[in-house]
Amino acid sequence: MKPGVWPDLPRMLRTVKEAGYTPWPEKTELRVTGRVVQAGERFALELEGMKEAVTIRLVLPETPTNPAASLVRRVSERVELDGIWLPAAPGEPGPGALRVITIR
């Protein structure tokens, strides 16, 4: 892992598989920091400290606590998020998405 560079997570998963192990992308937990951005009803996080701009789509859980309301109040602010990485679909550009678990 290099500071300021988004890891090539699909490549990491392939490397694990080629080494004879079973990768579990659904268990790839990330803690990221950045600025919350909103487009319509969708949210994303512009990651901080990156050498090149990286924006990751946020997938919010459907819970009674309504995390979307929390993010609306934090648009343009710096937040720290814990979540599960969701790989980009084949042909989909970008780093995939983050299924948010905790908003800090």
C-alpha atoms as a PDB file:
ATOM      1  CA  MET A   1       0.000   0.000   0.000  1.00  0.00           C
ATOM      2  CA  LYS A   2       1.328   3.411  -0.958  1.00  0.00           C
ATOM      3  CA  PRO A   3       0.202   6.589   0.809  1.00  0.00           C
ATOM      4  CA  GLY A   4      -1.967   8.735  -1.451  1.00  0.00           C
ATOM      5  CA  VAL A   5      -2.666   5.971  -3.974  1.00  0.00           C
ATOM      6  CA  TRP A   6      -5.977   4.086  -4.141  1.00  0.00           C
ATOM      7  CA  PRO A   7      -5.147   0.369  -3.993  1.00  0.00           C
ATOM      8  CA  ASP A   8      -5.982  -1.781  -6.968  1.00  0.00           C
ATOM      9  CA  LEU A   9      -8.381  -3.949  -4.965  1.00  0.00           C
ATOM     10  CA  PRO A  10      -9.470  -6.162  -7.898  1.00  0.00           C
ATOM     11  CA  ARG A  11      -5.787  -6.915  -8.546  1.00  0.00           C
ATOM     12  CA  MET A  12      -5.265  -7.716  -4.865  1.00  0.00           C
ATOM     13  CA  LEU A  13      -8.184 -10.175  -4.986  1.00  0.00           C
ATOM     14  CA  ARG A  14      -6.766 -11.834  -8.131  1.00  0.00           C
ATOM     15  CA  THR A  15      -3.367 -12.143  -6.439  1.00  0.00           C
ATOM     16  CA  VAL A  16      -4.947 -13.827  -3.413  1.00  0.00           C
ATOM     17  CA  LYS A  17      -6.801 -16.257  -5.711  1.00  0.00           C
ATOM     18  CA  GLU A  18      -3.686 -16.990  -7.775  1.00  0.00           C
ATOM     19  CA  ALA A  19      -1.842 -17.783  -4.545  1.00  0.00           C
ATOM     20  CA  GLY A  20      -4.355 -20.576  -3.924  1.00  0.00           C
ATOM     21  CA  TYR A  21      -6.584 -18.821  -1.410  1.00  0.00           C
ATOM     22  CA  THR A  22     -10.228 -17.819  -1.605  1.00  0.00           C
ATOM     23  CA  PRO A  23     -10.659 -14.042  -1.580  1.00  0.00           C
ATOM     24  CA  TRP A  24     -13.707 -12.651   0.202  1.00  0.00           C
ATOM     25  CA  PRO A  25     -14.402  -9.243  -1.315  1.00  0.00           C
ATOM     26  CA  GLU A  26     -17.538  -9.009   0.822  1.00  0.00           C
ATOM     27  CA  LYS A  27     -15.225  -8.961   3.859  1.00  0.00           C
ATOM     28  CA  THR A  28     -12.914  -6.193   2.594  1.00  0.00           C
ATOM     29  CA  GLU A  29     -13.344  -3.576   5.309  1.00  0.00           C
ATOM     30  CA  LEU A  30     -12.123  -0.034   4.745  1.00  0.00           C
ATOM     31  CA  ARG A  31     -11.807   3.103   6.865  1.00  0.00           C
ATOM     32  CA  VAL A  32     -11.676   6.172   4.649  1.00  0.00           C
ATOM     33  CA  THR A  33     -11.715   9.920   5.186  1.00  0.00           C
ATOM     34  CA  GLY A  34     -12.775  12.644   2.863  1.00  0.00           C
ATOM     35  CA  ARG A  35     -15.373  15.219   1.911  1.00  0.00           C
ATOM     36  CA  VAL A  36     -19.024  14.219   1.494  1.00  0.00           C
ATOM     37  CA  VAL A  37     -20.567  15.147  -1.862  1.00  0.00           C
ATOM     38  CA  GLN A  38     -24.181  14.742  -2.945  1.00  0.00           C
ATOM     39  CA  ALA A  39     -25.721  14.346  -6.400  1.00  0.00           C
ATOM     40  CA  GLY A  40     -29.485  14.141  -6.145  1.00  0.00           C
ATOM     41  CA  GLU A  41     -30.221  11.468  -3.577  1.00  0.00           C
ATOM     42  CA  ARG A  42     -26.843   9.766  -3.989  1.00  0.00           C
ATOM     43  CA  PHE A  43     -23.775  10.362  -1.883  1.00  0.00           C
ATOM     44  CA  ALA A  44     -20.080   9.906  -2.514  1.00  0.00           C
ATOM     45  CA  LEU A  45     -16.859  10.587  -0.687  1.00  0.00           C
ATOM     46  CA  GLU A  46     -13.988  12.527  -2.245  1.00  0.00           C
ATOM     47  CA  LEU A  47     -11.057  10.823  -0.564  1.00  0.00           C
ATOM     48  CA  GLU A  48      -8.491  13.044   1.098  1.00  0.00           C
ATOM     49  CA  GLY A  49      -4.750  12.730   0.834  1.00  0.00           C
ATOM     50  CA  MET A  50      -4.804  11.182  -2.625  1.00  0.00           C
ATOM     51  CA  LYS A  51      -2.214  12.045  -5.275  1.00  0.00           C
ATOM     52  CA  GLU A  52      -4.961  11.805  -7.912  1.00  0.00           C
ATOM     53  CA  ALA A  53      -8.638  12.553  -7.215  1.00  0.00           C
ATOM     54  CA  VAL A  54     -10.609   9.486  -6.124  1.00  0.00           C
ATOM     55  CA  THR A  55     -14.336   9.567  -5.398  1.00  0.00           C
ATOM     56  CA  ILE A  56     -16.071   6.487  -4.045  1.00  0.00           C
ATOM     57  CA  ARG A  57     -19.831   5.996  -4.217  1.00  0.00           C
ATOM     58  CA  LEU A  58     -21.524   5.457  -0.848  1.00  0.00           C
ATOM     59  CA  VAL A  59     -24.184   2.811  -0.274  1.00  0.00           C
ATOM     60  CA  LEU A  60     -26.182   3.553   2.836  1.00  0.00           C
ATOM     61  CA  PRO A  61     -27.895   0.925   4.973  1.00  0.00           C
ATOM     62  CA  GLU A  62     -31.655   1.073   5.285  1.00  0.00           C
ATOM     63  CA  THR A  63     -32.044   1.518   9.017  1.00  0.00           C
ATOM     64  CA  PRO A  64     -34.399   3.434  11.311  1.00  0.00           C
ATOM     65  CA  THR A  65     -31.517   5.805  12.175  1.00  0.00           C
ATOM     66  CA  ASN A  66     -31.516   7.151   8.556  1.00  0.00           C
ATOM     67  CA  PRO A  67     -27.808   7.644   7.803  1.00  0.00           C
ATOM     68  CA  ALA A  68     -28.728   9.700   4.709  1.00  0.00           C
ATOM     69  CA  ALA A  69     -30.047  12.446   7.001  1.00  0.00           C
ATOM     70  CA  SER A  70     -26.731  12.447   8.823  1.00  0.00           C
ATOM     71  CA  LEU A  71     -24.802  12.771   5.551  1.00  0.00           C
ATOM     72  CA  VAL A  72     -27.051  15.569   4.257  1.00  0.00           C
ATOM     73  CA  ARG A  73     -25.986  17.623   7.269  1.00  0.00           C
ATOM     74  CA  ARG A  74     -22.331  16.818   6.527  1.00  0.00           C
ATOM     75  CA  VAL A  75     -22.201  17.614   2.782  1.00  0.00           C
ATOM     76  CA  SER A  76     -18.901  19.380   2.013  1.00  0.00           C
ATOM     77  CA  GLU A  77     -17.540  18.419   5.441  1.00  0.00           C
ATOM     78  CA  ARG A  78     -14.730  16.014   6.253  1.00  0.00           C
ATOM     79  CA  VAL A  79     -15.912  12.675   7.658  1.00  0.00           C
ATOM     80  CA  GLU A  80     -14.385   9.320   8.472  1.00  0.00           C
ATOM     81  CA  LEU A  81     -16.343   6.262   7.361  1.00  0.00           C
ATOM     82  CA  ASP A  82     -16.055   2.568   8.070  1.00  0.00           C
ATOM     83  CA  GLY A  83     -17.557   0.200   5.561  1.00  0.00           C
ATOM     84  CA  ILE A  84     -17.344  -2.782   3.273  1.00  0.00           C
ATOM     85  CA  TRP A  85     -15.822  -2.294  -0.160  1.00  0.00           C
ATOM     86  CA  LEU A  86     -18.110  -3.267  -3.043  1.00  0.00           C
ATOM     87  CA  PRO A  87     -16.122  -3.975  -6.224  1.00  0.00           C
ATOM     88  CA  ALA A  88     -17.074  -2.089  -9.371  1.00  0.00           C
ATOM     89  CA  ALA A  89     -19.144  -4.127 -11.799  1.00  0.00           C
ATOM     90  CA  PRO A  90     -17.288  -5.280 -14.920  1.00  0.00           C
ATOM     91  CA  GLY A  91     -16.880  -2.274 -17.203  1.00  0.00           C
ATOM     92  CA  GLU A  92     -17.899   0.175 -14.469  1.00  0.00           C
ATOM     93  CA  PRO A  93     -15.299   2.901 -13.991  1.00  0.00           C
ATOM     94  CA  GLY A  94     -14.004   3.957 -10.614  1.00  0.00           C
ATOM     95  CA  PRO A  95     -13.101   2.276  -7.353  1.00  0.00           C
ATOM     96  CA  GLY A  96     -16.485   0.687  -6.732  1.00  0.00           C
ATOM     97  CA  ALA A  97     -18.515   1.669  -3.683  1.00  0.00           C
ATOM     98  CA  LEU A  98     -18.429   1.619   0.080  1.00  0.00           C
ATOM     99  CA  ARG A  99     -21.331   0.048   2.002  1.00  0.00           C
ATOM    100  CA  VAL A 100     -21.284   2.372   4.992  1.00  0.00           C
ATOM    101  CA  ILE A 101     -21.276   0.828   8.451  1.00  0.00           C
ATOM    102  CA  THR A 102     -20.207   3.780  10.630  1.00  0.00           C
ATOM    103  CA  ILE A 103     -20.125   7.540  10.099  1.00  0.00           C
ATOM    104  CA  ARG A 104     -17.590   9.216  12.372  1.00  0.00           C
END
